Amino acid sequence: MTKKVYVGNLSFDATEQQVNDMFAEFGKVESIAMINDRDSGRFRGFCFVEMEDSAANAAINALNGKIVDDRDLRVNEARPREDRSRGGGNRRGGGGYRGGNRRDNYGGGNRW
């Protein structure tokens, strides 16, 4: 069975080959997903490595906190991706304002 490992705080110049070399010491690397910025295409400084369970656990224990290129690596078991729905955001308006006369919505109005 394979486990997906999150590898964070990598140098922005890190390559897939460097990550592979780092993890291959603990077992066979099934896959590496280097995460790039959608707009610029630049590497974002983190990736996901998939490998066999026991090898992944050994890599996590050995590499988490290790300093590589003057950066403390963050290595742990990847969490499932959260559902990021696109709808529903409150882009306009906000606060207690519901249109109409502003004073009506803030307890103002006619004082006499």
PDB file of N, CA and C in Angstrom:
ATOM      1  N   MET A   1       0.844  -1.180   0.000  1.00  0.00           N
ATOM      2  CA  MET A   1       0.000   0.000   0.000  1.00  0.00           C
ATOM      3  C   MET A   1       0.892   1.247   0.000  1.00  0.00           C
ATOM      4  N   THR A   2       0.471   2.277  -0.731  1.00  0.00           N
ATOM      5  CA  THR A   2       1.287   3.489  -0.812  1.00  0.00           C
ATOM      6  C   THR A   2       0.731   4.582   0.089  1.00  0.00           C
ATOM      7  N   LYS A   3       1.605   5.500   0.429  1.00  0.00           N
ATOM      8  CA  LYS A   3       1.243   6.647   1.257  1.00  0.00           C
ATOM      9  C   LYS A   3       1.733   7.893   0.543  1.00  0.00           C
ATOM     10  N   LYS A   4       0.928   8.952   0.609  1.00  0.00           N
ATOM     11  CA  LYS A   4       1.316  10.227   0.013  1.00  0.00           C
ATOM     12  C   LYS A   4       1.902  11.101   1.116  1.00  0.00           C
ATOM     13  N   VAL A   5       3.072  11.664   0.835  1.00  0.00           N
ATOM     14  CA  VAL A   5       3.811  12.469   1.805  1.00  0.00           C
ATOM     15  C   VAL A   5       3.883  13.907   1.296  1.00  0.00           C
ATOM     16  N   TYR A   6       3.580  14.853   2.187  1.00  0.00           N
ATOM     17  CA  TYR A   6       3.714  16.278   1.884  1.00  0.00           C
ATOM     18  C   TYR A   6       5.134  16.706   2.227  1.00  0.00           C
ATOM     19  N   VAL A   7       5.779  17.421   1.315  1.00  0.00           N
ATOM     20  CA  VAL A   7       7.126  17.939   1.549  1.00  0.00           C
ATOM     21  C   VAL A   7       7.073  19.449   1.340  1.00  0.00           C
ATOM     22  N   GLY A   8       7.208  20.203   2.418  1.00  0.00           N
ATOM     23  CA  GLY A   8       7.085  21.655   2.335  1.00  0.00           C
ATOM     24  C   GLY A   8       8.370  22.366   2.710  1.00  0.00           C
ATOM     25  N   ASN A   9       8.388  23.647   2.418  1.00  0.00           N
ATOM     26  CA  ASN A   9       9.506  24.543   2.690  1.00  0.00           C
ATOM     27  C   ASN A   9      10.756  24.159   1.894  1.00  0.00           C
ATOM     28  N   LEU A  10      10.533  23.641   0.698  1.00  0.00           N
ATOM     29  CA  LEU A  10      11.645  23.350  -0.211  1.00  0.00           C
ATOM     30  C   LEU A  10      12.127  24.647  -0.844  1.00  0.00           C
ATOM     31  N   SER A  11      13.365  24.656  -1.277  1.00  0.00           N
ATOM     32  CA  SER A  11      13.887  25.787  -2.032  1.00  0.00           C
ATOM     33  C   SER A  11      13.077  25.916  -3.321  1.00  0.00           C
ATOM     34  N   PHE A  12      12.870  27.136  -3.767  1.00  0.00           N
ATOM     35  CA  PHE A  12      12.138  27.348  -5.017  1.00  0.00           C
ATOM     36  C   PHE A  12      12.926  26.849  -6.223  1.00  0.00           C
ATOM     37  N   ASP A  13      14.195  26.551  -6.004  1.00  0.00           N
ATOM     38  CA  ASP A  13      15.050  26.023  -7.073  1.00  0.00           C
ATOM     39  C   ASP A  13      15.147  24.502  -7.032  1.00  0.00           C
ATOM     40  N   ALA A  14      14.450  23.852  -6.099  1.00  0.00           N
ATOM     41  CA  ALA A  14      14.514  22.390  -5.975  1.00  0.00           C
ATOM     42  C   ALA A  14      13.986  21.735  -7.255  1.00  0.00           C
ATOM     43  N   THR A  15      14.553  20.587  -7.571  1.00  0.00           N
ATOM     44  CA  THR A  15      14.126  19.855  -8.759  1.00  0.00           C
ATOM     45  C   THR A  15      13.528  18.515  -8.351  1.00  0.00           C
ATOM     46  N   GLU A  16      12.803  17.913  -9.267  1.00  0.00           N
ATOM     47  CA  GLU A  16      12.217  16.603  -9.029  1.00  0.00           C
ATOM     48  C   GLU A  16      13.310  15.566  -8.765  1.00  0.00           C
ATOM     49  N   GLN A  17      14.421  15.691  -9.458  1.00  0.00           N
ATOM     50  CA  GLN A  17      15.532  14.752  -9.271  1.00  0.00           C
ATOM     51  C   GLN A  17      16.112  14.860  -7.860  1.00  0.00           C
ATOM     52  N   GLN A  18      16.245  16.079  -7.336  1.00  0.00           N
ATOM     53  CA  GLN A  18      16.753  16.267  -5.975  1.00  0.00           C
ATOM     54  C   GLN A  18      15.813  15.639  -4.947  1.00  0.00           C
ATOM     55  N   VAL A  19      14.520  15.839  -5.131  1.00  0.00           N
ATOM     56  CA  VAL A  19      13.533  15.256  -4.208  1.00  0.00           C
ATOM     57  C   VAL A  19      13.584  13.739  -4.308  1.00  0.00           C
ATOM     58  N   ASN A  20      13.654  13.217  -5.523  1.00  0.00           N
ATOM     59  CA  ASN A  20      13.732  11.771  -5.716  1.00  0.00           C
ATOM     60  C   ASN A  20      14.962  11.197  -5.010  1.00  0.00           C
ATOM     61  N   ASP A  21      16.117  11.842  -5.179  1.00  0.00           N
ATOM     62  CA  ASP A  21      17.348  11.370  -4.543  1.00  0.00           C
ATOM     63  C   ASP A  21      17.220  11.369  -3.014  1.00  0.00           C
ATOM     64  N   MET A  22      16.563  12.379  -2.484  1.00  0.00           N
ATOM     65  CA  MET A  22      16.399  12.496  -1.037  1.00  0.00           C
ATOM     66  C   MET A  22      15.526  11.356  -0.485  1.00  0.00           C
ATOM     67  N   PHE A  23      14.462  11.006  -1.207  1.00  0.00           N
ATOM     68  CA  PHE A  23      13.519  10.002  -0.716  1.00  0.00           C
ATOM     69  C   PHE A  23      13.899   8.576  -1.105  1.00  0.00           C
ATOM     70  N   ALA A  24      14.641   8.407  -2.183  1.00  0.00           N
ATOM     71  CA  ALA A  24      15.012   7.067  -2.658  1.00  0.00           C
ATOM     72  C   ALA A  24      15.856   6.315  -1.632  1.00  0.00           C
ATOM     73  N   GLU A  25      16.507   7.036  -0.762  1.00  0.00           N
ATOM     74  CA  GLU A  25      17.304   6.439   0.305  1.00  0.00           C
ATOM     75  C   GLU A  25      16.440   5.566   1.231  1.00  0.00           C
ATOM     76  N   PHE A  26      15.134   5.841   1.280  1.00  0.00           N
ATOM     77  CA  PHE A  26      14.237   5.133   2.202  1.00  0.00           C
ATOM     78  C   PHE A  26      13.380   4.078   1.512  1.00  0.00           C
ATOM     79  N   GLY A  27      13.377   4.052   0.197  1.00  0.00           N
ATOM     80  CA  GLY A  27      12.591   3.077  -0.544  1.00  0.00           C
ATOM     81  C   GLY A  27      12.245   3.595  -1.922  1.00  0.00           C
ATOM     82  N   LYS A  28      11.492   2.800  -2.649  1.00  0.00           N
ATOM     83  CA  LYS A  28      11.129   3.139  -4.028  1.00  0.00           C
ATOM     84  C   LYS A  28      10.108   4.282  -4.043  1.00  0.00           C
ATOM     85  N   VAL A  29      10.411   5.303  -4.801  1.00  0.00           N
ATOM     86  CA  VAL A  29       9.508   6.444  -4.976  1.00  0.00           C
ATOM     87  C   VAL A  29       8.562   6.113  -6.121  1.00  0.00           C
ATOM     88  N   GLU A  30       7.261   6.074  -5.820  1.00  0.00           N
ATOM     89  CA  GLU A  30       6.257   5.760  -6.849  1.00  0.00           C
ATOM     90  C   GLU A  30       5.987   6.963  -7.746  1.00  0.00           C
ATOM     91  N   SER A  31       5.849   8.142  -7.133  1.00  0.00           N
ATOM     92  CA  SER A  31       5.587   9.347  -7.922  1.00  0.00           C
ATOM     93  C   SER A  31       5.960  10.584  -7.119  1.00  0.00           C
ATOM     94  N   ILE A  32       6.215  11.665  -7.858  1.00  0.00           N
ATOM     95  CA  ILE A  32       6.489  12.967  -7.256  1.00  0.00           C
ATOM     96  C   ILE A  32       5.661  13.995  -8.003  1.00  0.00           C
ATOM     97  N   ALA A  33       4.941  14.812  -7.267  1.00  0.00           N
ATOM     98  CA  ALA A  33       4.158  15.895  -7.880  1.00  0.00           C
ATOM     99  C   ALA A  33       4.695  17.223  -7.364  1.00  0.00           C
ATOM    100  N   MET A  34       5.464  17.903  -8.207  1.00  0.00           N
ATOM    101  CA  MET A  34       6.003  19.223  -7.869  1.00  0.00           C
ATOM    102  C   MET A  34       4.890  20.234  -8.164  1.00  0.00           C
ATOM    103  N   ILE A  35       4.558  21.068  -7.195  1.00  0.00           N
ATOM    104  CA  ILE A  35       3.426  21.979  -7.354  1.00  0.00           C
ATOM    105  C   ILE A  35       3.915  23.333  -7.858  1.00  0.00           C
ATOM    106  N   ASN A  36       3.371  23.727  -9.008  1.00  0.00           N
ATOM    107  CA  ASN A  36       3.738  24.987  -9.644  1.00  0.00           C
ATOM    108  C   ASN A  36       2.602  25.985  -9.554  1.00  0.00           C
ATOM    109  N   ASP A  37       2.964  27.262  -9.573  1.00  0.00           N
ATOM    110  CA  ASP A  37       1.978  28.341  -9.570  1.00  0.00           C
ATOM    111  C   ASP A  37       1.186  28.308 -10.870  1.00  0.00           C
ATOM    112  N   ARG A  38      -0.105  28.441 -10.759  1.00  0.00           N
ATOM    113  CA  ARG A  38      -0.988  28.367 -11.922  1.00  0.00           C
ATOM    114  C   ARG A  38      -0.711  29.476 -12.936  1.00  0.00           C
ATOM    115  N   ASP A  39      -0.400  30.685 -12.453  1.00  0.00           N
ATOM    116  CA  ASP A  39      -0.216  31.819 -13.353  1.00  0.00           C
ATOM    117  C   ASP A  39       1.203  31.924 -13.900  1.00  0.00           C
ATOM    118  N   SER A  40       2.196  31.835 -13.016  1.00  0.00           N
ATOM    119  CA  SER A  40       3.583  32.046 -13.446  1.00  0.00           C
ATOM    120  C   SER A  40       4.284  30.763 -13.874  1.00  0.00           C
ATOM    121  N   GLY A  41       3.788  29.598 -13.417  1.00  0.00           N
ATOM    122  CA  GLY A  41       4.431  28.335 -13.733  1.00  0.00           C
ATOM    123  C   GLY A  41       5.631  28.021 -12.858  1.00  0.00           C
ATOM    124  N   ARG A  42       5.967  28.926 -11.924  1.00  0.00           N
ATOM    125  CA  ARG A  42       7.117  28.724 -11.034  1.00  0.00           C
ATOM    126  C   ARG A  42       6.777  27.719  -9.943  1.00  0.00           C
ATOM    127  N   PHE A  43       7.782  26.966  -9.507  1.00  0.00           N
ATOM    128  CA  PHE A  43       7.633  26.014  -8.418  1.00  0.00           C
ATOM    129  C   PHE A  43       7.266  26.763  -7.141  1.00  0.00           C
ATOM    130  N   ARG A  44       6.292  26.234  -6.394  1.00  0.00           N
ATOM    131  CA  ARG A  44       5.776  26.920  -5.207  1.00  0.00           C
ATOM    132  C   ARG A  44       6.467  26.524  -3.902  1.00  0.00           C
ATOM    133  N   GLY A  45       7.429  25.616  -3.953  1.00  0.00           N
ATOM    134  CA  GLY A  45       8.177  25.280  -2.748  1.00  0.00           C
ATOM    135  C   GLY A  45       7.635  24.093  -1.974  1.00  0.00           C
ATOM    136  N   PHE A  46       6.707  23.354  -2.575  1.00  0.00           N
ATOM    137  CA  PHE A  46       6.251  22.125  -1.936  1.00  0.00           C
ATOM    138  C   PHE A  46       5.885  21.101  -2.986  1.00  0.00           C
ATOM    139  N   CYS A  47       5.858  19.837  -2.538  1.00  0.00           N
ATOM    140  CA  CYS A  47       5.527  18.754  -3.451  1.00  0.00           C
ATOM    141  C   CYS A  47       4.910  17.603  -2.669  1.00  0.00           C
ATOM    142  N   PHE A  48       4.478  16.599  -3.406  1.00  0.00           N
ATOM    143  CA  PHE A  48       3.927  15.388  -2.810  1.00  0.00           C
ATOM    144  C   PHE A  48       4.707  14.205  -3.369  1.00  0.00           C
ATOM    145  N   VAL A  49       5.103  13.315  -2.457  1.00  0.00           N
ATOM    146  CA  VAL A  49       5.860  12.122  -2.836  1.00  0.00           C
ATOM    147  C   VAL A  49       5.022  10.918  -2.438  1.00  0.00           C
ATOM    148  N   GLU A  50       4.883   9.975  -3.356  1.00  0.00           N
ATOM    149  CA  GLU A  50       4.134   8.763  -3.062  1.00  0.00           C
ATOM    150  C   GLU A  50       5.104   7.597  -3.005  1.00  0.00           C
ATOM    151  N   MET A  51       5.019   6.835  -1.901  1.00  0.00           N
ATOM    152  CA  MET A  51       5.882   5.668  -1.740  1.00  0.00           C
ATOM    153  C   MET A  51       5.221   4.677  -0.796  1.00  0.00           C
ATOM    154  N   GLU A  52       5.783   3.482  -0.705  1.00  0.00           N
ATOM    155  CA  GLU A  52       5.250   2.415   0.138  1.00  0.00           C
ATOM    156  C   GLU A  52       5.194   2.879   1.592  1.00  0.00           C
ATOM    157  N   ASP A  53       4.177   2.397   2.325  1.00  0.00           N
ATOM    158  CA  ASP A  53       3.907   2.849   3.694  1.00  0.00           C
ATOM    159  C   ASP A  53       5.122   2.907   4.609  1.00  0.00           C
ATOM    160  N   SER A  54       5.824   1.789   4.754  1.00  0.00           N
ATOM    161  CA  SER A  54       6.935   1.760   5.704  1.00  0.00           C
ATOM    162  C   SER A  54       8.071   2.673   5.258  1.00  0.00           C
ATOM    163  N   ALA A  55       8.311   2.761   3.954  1.00  0.00           N
ATOM    164  CA  ALA A  55       9.340   3.658   3.433  1.00  0.00           C
ATOM    165  C   ALA A  55       8.937   5.111   3.665  1.00  0.00           C
ATOM    166  N   ALA A  56       7.660   5.413   3.470  1.00  0.00           N
ATOM    167  CA  ALA A  56       7.160   6.770   3.694  1.00  0.00           C
ATOM    168  C   ALA A  56       7.320   7.162   5.158  1.00  0.00           C
ATOM    169  N   ASN A  57       6.981   6.254   6.058  1.00  0.00           N
ATOM    170  CA  ASN A  57       7.114   6.544   7.489  1.00  0.00           C
ATOM    171  C   ASN A  57       8.574   6.789   7.861  1.00  0.00           C
ATOM    172  N   ALA A  58       9.469   5.993   7.316  1.00  0.00           N
ATOM    173  CA  ALA A  58      10.903   6.171   7.585  1.00  0.00           C
ATOM    174  C   ALA A  58      11.381   7.526   7.057  1.00  0.00           C
ATOM    175  N   ALA A  59      10.929   7.898   5.873  1.00  0.00           N
ATOM    176  CA  ALA A  59      11.316   9.178   5.279  1.00  0.00           C
ATOM    177  C   ALA A  59      10.784  10.343   6.106  1.00  0.00           C
ATOM    178  N   ILE A  60       9.542  10.240   6.552  1.00  0.00           N
ATOM    179  CA  ILE A  60       8.950  11.296   7.381  1.00  0.00           C
ATOM    180  C   ILE A  60       9.778  11.484   8.649  1.00  0.00           C
ATOM    181  N   ASN A  61      10.081  10.377   9.322  1.00  0.00           N
ATOM    182  CA  ASN A  61      10.844  10.455  10.568  1.00  0.00           C
ATOM    183  C   ASN A  61      12.246  11.020  10.373  1.00  0.00           C
ATOM    184  N   ALA A  62      12.872  10.681   9.258  1.00  0.00           N
ATOM    185  CA  ALA A  62      14.249  11.115   9.020  1.00  0.00           C
ATOM    186  C   ALA A  62      14.345  12.529   8.446  1.00  0.00           C
ATOM    187  N   LEU A  63      13.381  12.930   7.622  1.00  0.00           N
ATOM    188  CA  LEU A  63      13.523  14.189   6.883  1.00  0.00           C
ATOM    189  C   LEU A  63      12.782  15.381   7.485  1.00  0.00           C
ATOM    190  N   ASN A  64      11.773  15.140   8.313  1.00  0.00           N
ATOM    191  CA  ASN A  64      11.030  16.260   8.896  1.00  0.00           C
ATOM    192  C   ASN A  64      11.966  17.080   9.793  1.00  0.00           C
ATOM    193  N   GLY A  65      12.109  18.354   9.473  1.00  0.00           N
ATOM    194  CA  GLY A  65      12.980  19.241  10.238  1.00  0.00           C
ATOM    195  C   GLY A  65      14.415  19.282   9.735  1.00  0.00           C
ATOM    196  N   LYS A  66      14.749  18.422   8.790  1.00  0.00           N
ATOM    197  CA  LYS A  66      16.111  18.402   8.236  1.00  0.00           C
ATOM    198  C   LYS A  66      16.350  19.695   7.457  1.00  0.00           C
ATOM    199  N   ILE A  67      17.546  20.242   7.586  1.00  0.00           N
ATOM    200  CA  ILE A  67      17.884  21.475   6.882  1.00  0.00           C
ATOM    201  C   ILE A  67      18.484  21.122   5.518  1.00  0.00           C
ATOM    202  N   VAL A  68      17.823  21.625   4.473  1.00  0.00           N
ATOM    203  CA  VAL A  68      18.274  21.429   3.093  1.00  0.00           C
ATOM    204  C   VAL A  68      18.237  22.796   2.422  1.00  0.00           C
ATOM    205  N   ASP A  69      19.358  23.216   1.865  1.00  0.00           N
ATOM    206  CA  ASP A  69      19.474  24.544   1.236  1.00  0.00           C
ATOM    207  C   ASP A  69      19.064  25.655   2.198  1.00  0.00           C
ATOM    208  N   ASP A  70      19.536  25.565   3.446  1.00  0.00           N
ATOM    209  CA  ASP A  70      19.249  26.557   4.499  1.00  0.00           C
ATOM    210  C   ASP A  70      17.769  26.681   4.832  1.00  0.00           C
ATOM    211  N   ARG A  71      16.996  25.631   4.605  1.00  0.00           N
ATOM    212  CA  ARG A  71      15.563  25.646   4.911  1.00  0.00           C
ATOM    213  C   ARG A  71      15.207  24.392   5.696  1.00  0.00           C
ATOM    214  N   ASP A  72      14.387  24.556   6.735  1.00  0.00           N
ATOM    215  CA  ASP A  72      13.896  23.418   7.518  1.00  0.00           C
ATOM    216  C   ASP A  72      12.757  22.754   6.748  1.00  0.00           C
ATOM    217  N   LEU A  73      12.963  21.527   6.320  1.00  0.00           N
ATOM    218  CA  LEU A  73      11.912  20.821   5.594  1.00  0.00           C
ATOM    219  C   LEU A  73      10.750  20.504   6.525  1.00  0.00           C
ATOM    220  N   ARG A  74       9.574  20.521   5.969  1.00  0.00           N
ATOM    221  CA  ARG A  74       8.379  20.074   6.675  1.00  0.00           C
ATOM    222  C   ARG A  74       7.887  18.854   5.915  1.00  0.00           C
ATOM    223  N   VAL A  75       7.976  17.699   6.556  1.00  0.00           N
ATOM    224  CA  VAL A  75       7.631  16.443   5.894  1.00  0.00           C
ATOM    225  C   VAL A  75       6.644  15.704   6.776  1.00  0.00           C
ATOM    226  N   ASN A  76       5.456  15.437   6.252  1.00  0.00           N
ATOM    227  CA  ASN A  76       4.454  14.678   7.001  1.00  0.00           C
ATOM    228  C   ASN A  76       3.483  13.996   6.045  1.00  0.00           C
ATOM    229  N   GLU A  77       2.638  13.161   6.603  1.00  0.00           N
ATOM    230  CA  GLU A  77       1.644  12.480   5.771  1.00  0.00           C
ATOM    231  C   GLU A  77       0.686  13.516   5.203  1.00  0.00           C
ATOM    232  N   ALA A  78       0.439  13.427   3.917  1.00  0.00           N
ATOM    233  CA  ALA A  78      -0.456  14.381   3.254  1.00  0.00           C
ATOM    234  C   ALA A  78      -1.886  14.156   3.721  1.00  0.00           C
ATOM    235  N   ARG A  79      -2.585  15.249   3.933  1.00  0.00           N
ATOM    236  CA  ARG A  79      -4.007  15.170   4.277  1.00  0.00           C
ATOM    237  C   ARG A  79      -4.816  15.189   2.999  1.00  0.00           C
ATOM    238  N   PRO A  80      -6.015  14.615   3.038  1.00  0.00           N
ATOM    239  CA  PRO A  80      -6.861  14.660   1.833  1.00  0.00           C
ATOM    240  C   PRO A  80      -7.181  16.103   1.458  1.00  0.00           C
ATOM    241  N   ARG A  81      -7.278  16.361   0.178  1.00  0.00           N
ATOM    242  CA  ARG A  81      -7.569  17.700  -0.311  1.00  0.00           C
ATOM    243  C   ARG A  81      -8.975  18.107   0.108  1.00  0.00           C
ATOM    244  N   GLU A  82      -9.086  19.333   0.616  1.00  0.00           N
ATOM    245  CA  GLU A  82     -10.394  19.839   1.020  1.00  0.00           C
ATOM    246  C   GLU A  82     -11.187  20.240  -0.215  1.00  0.00           C
ATOM    247  N   ASP A  83     -12.500  20.090  -0.122  1.00  0.00           N
ATOM    248  CA  ASP A  83     -13.362  20.523  -1.212  1.00  0.00           C
ATOM    249  C   ASP A  83     -13.371  22.045  -1.231  1.00  0.00           C
ATOM    250  N   ARG A  84     -12.927  22.607  -2.347  1.00  0.00           N
ATOM    251  CA  ARG A  84     -12.873  24.060  -2.454  1.00  0.00           C
ATOM    252  C   ARG A  84     -13.903  24.506  -3.477  1.00  0.00           C
ATOM    253  N   SER A  85     -15.157  24.609  -3.054  1.00  0.00           N
ATOM    254  CA  SER A  85     -16.196  25.011  -3.999  1.00  0.00           C
ATOM    255  C   SER A  85     -15.989  26.468  -4.386  1.00  0.00           C
ATOM    256  N   ARG A  86     -16.373  26.800  -5.581  1.00  0.00           N
ATOM    257  CA  ARG A  86     -16.145  28.132  -6.115  1.00  0.00           C
ATOM    258  C   ARG A  86     -17.271  29.109  -5.786  1.00  0.00           C
ATOM    259  N   GLY A  87     -18.433  28.629  -5.447  1.00  0.00           N
ATOM    260  CA  GLY A  87     -19.570  29.523  -5.257  1.00  0.00           C
ATOM    261  C   GLY A  87     -19.723  30.028  -3.844  1.00  0.00           C
ATOM    262  N   GLY A  88     -20.664  30.927  -3.654  1.00  0.00           N
ATOM    263  CA  GLY A  88     -21.083  31.326  -2.335  1.00  0.00           C
ATOM    264  C   GLY A  88     -20.324  32.449  -1.684  1.00  0.00           C
ATOM    265  N   GLY A  89     -19.216  32.865  -2.224  1.00  0.00           N
ATOM    266  CA  GLY A  89     -18.441  33.910  -1.566  1.00  0.00           C
ATOM    267  C   GLY A  89     -19.207  35.207  -1.476  1.00  0.00           C
ATOM    268  N   ASN A  90     -18.941  35.984  -0.461  1.00  0.00           N
ATOM    269  CA  ASN A  90     -19.620  37.264  -0.272  1.00  0.00           C
ATOM    270  C   ASN A  90     -18.740  38.351  -0.856  1.00  0.00           C
ATOM    271  N   ARG A  91     -18.816  38.547  -2.168  1.00  0.00           N
ATOM    272  CA  ARG A  91     -17.914  39.476  -2.838  1.00  0.00           C
ATOM    273  C   ARG A  91     -18.389  40.917  -2.789  1.00  0.00           C
ATOM    274  N   ARG A  92     -19.679  41.131  -2.721  1.00  0.00           N
ATOM    275  CA  ARG A  92     -20.198  42.497  -2.751  1.00  0.00           C
ATOM    276  C   ARG A  92     -21.026  42.737  -1.519  1.00  0.00           C
ATOM    277  N   GLY A  93     -21.145  43.975  -1.171  1.00  0.00           N
ATOM    278  CA  GLY A  93     -21.933  44.295   0.009  1.00  0.00           C
ATOM    279  C   GLY A  93     -21.187  43.861   1.245  1.00  0.00           C
ATOM    280  N   GLY A  94     -21.874  43.250   2.133  1.00  0.00           N
ATOM    281  CA  GLY A  94     -21.233  42.802   3.356  1.00  0.00           C
ATOM    282  C   GLY A  94     -21.755  43.609   4.517  1.00  0.00           C
ATOM    283  N   GLY A  95     -21.255  43.319   5.692  1.00  0.00           N
ATOM    284  CA  GLY A  95     -21.745  44.023   6.869  1.00  0.00           C
ATOM    285  C   GLY A  95     -23.229  43.783   7.016  1.00  0.00           C
ATOM    286  N   GLY A  96     -23.901  44.716   7.583  1.00  0.00           N
ATOM    287  CA  GLY A  96     -25.344  44.569   7.796  1.00  0.00           C
ATOM    288  C   GLY A  96     -26.160  45.264   6.734  1.00  0.00           C
ATOM    289  N   TYR A  97     -25.540  45.846   5.768  1.00  0.00           N
ATOM    290  CA  TYR A  97     -26.244  46.626   4.751  1.00  0.00           C
ATOM    291  C   TYR A  97     -27.022  45.729   3.809  1.00  0.00           C
ATOM    292  N   ARG A  98     -28.324  46.014   3.669  1.00  0.00           N
ATOM    293  CA  ARG A  98     -29.163  45.205   2.792  1.00  0.00           C
ATOM    294  C   ARG A  98     -29.803  46.035   1.692  1.00  0.00           C
ATOM    295  N   GLY A  99     -29.241  47.155   1.395  1.00  0.00           N
ATOM    296  CA  GLY A  99     -29.814  48.003   0.356  1.00  0.00           C
ATOM    297  C   GLY A  99     -30.799  48.988   0.963  1.00  0.00           C
ATOM    298  N   GLY A 100     -31.363  49.833   0.130  1.00  0.00           N
ATOM    299  CA  GLY A 100     -32.316  50.815   0.638  1.00  0.00           C
ATOM    300  C   GLY A 100     -31.589  51.916   1.391  1.00  0.00           C
ATOM    301  N   ASN A 101     -32.282  52.509   2.363  1.00  0.00           N
ATOM    302  CA  ASN A 101     -31.732  53.606   3.133  1.00  0.00           C
ATOM    303  C   ASN A 101     -30.771  53.045   4.188  1.00  0.00           C
ATOM    304  N   ARG A 102     -29.543  53.463   4.147  1.00  0.00           N
ATOM    305  CA  ARG A 102     -28.544  52.942   5.086  1.00  0.00           C
ATOM    306  C   ARG A 102     -28.955  53.139   6.539  1.00  0.00           C
ATOM    307  N   ARG A 103     -29.523  54.248   6.851  1.00  0.00           N
ATOM    308  CA  ARG A 103     -29.874  54.511   8.250  1.00  0.00           C
ATOM    309  C   ARG A 103     -30.837  53.471   8.789  1.00  0.00           C
ATOM    310  N   ASP A 104     -31.714  52.952   7.935  1.00  0.00           N
ATOM    311  CA  ASP A 104     -32.674  51.953   8.397  1.00  0.00           C
ATOM    312  C   ASP A 104     -31.977  50.679   8.880  1.00  0.00           C
ATOM    313  N   ASN A 105     -30.838  50.413   8.346  1.00  0.00           N
ATOM    314  CA  ASN A 105     -30.138  49.181   8.678  1.00  0.00           C
ATOM    315  C   ASN A 105     -29.203  49.322   9.869  1.00  0.00           C
ATOM    316  N   TYR A 106     -29.027  50.513  10.363  1.00  0.00           N
ATOM    317  CA  TYR A 106     -28.114  50.722  11.472  1.00  0.00           C
ATOM    318  C   TYR A 106     -28.805  51.343  12.666  1.00  0.00           C
ATOM    319  N   GLY A 107     -30.083  51.227  12.744  1.00  0.00           N
ATOM    320  CA  GLY A 107     -30.817  51.711  13.907  1.00  0.00           C
ATOM    321  C   GLY A 107     -30.992  53.223  13.925  1.00  0.00           C
ATOM    322  N   GLY A 108     -30.651  53.878  12.841  1.00  0.00           N
ATOM    323  CA  GLY A 108     -30.792  55.345  12.776  1.00  0.00           C
ATOM    324  C   GLY A 108     -32.234  55.721  12.507  1.00  0.00           C
ATOM    325  N   GLY A 109     -32.465  56.466  11.482  1.00  0.00           N
ATOM    326  CA  GLY A 109     -33.815  56.847  11.116  1.00  0.00           C
ATOM    327  C   GLY A 109     -34.210  58.159  11.783  1.00  0.00           C
ATOM    328  N   ASN A 110     -35.489  58.438  11.786  1.00  0.00           N
ATOM    329  CA  ASN A 110     -36.008  59.671  12.340  1.00  0.00           C
ATOM    330  C   ASN A 110     -35.954  59.635  13.860  1.00  0.00           C
ATOM    331  N   ARG A 111     -35.292  60.596  14.449  1.00  0.00           N
ATOM    332  CA  ARG A 111     -35.185  60.579  15.894  1.00  0.00           C
ATOM    333  C   ARG A 111     -36.319  61.354  16.563  1.00  0.00           C
ATOM    334  N   TRP A 112     -37.145  62.073  15.820  1.00  0.00           N
ATOM    335  CA  TRP A 112     -38.205  62.848  16.442  1.00  0.00           C
ATOM    336  C   TRP A 112     -39.517  62.228  16.184  1.00  0.00           C
TER     337      TRP A 112
END
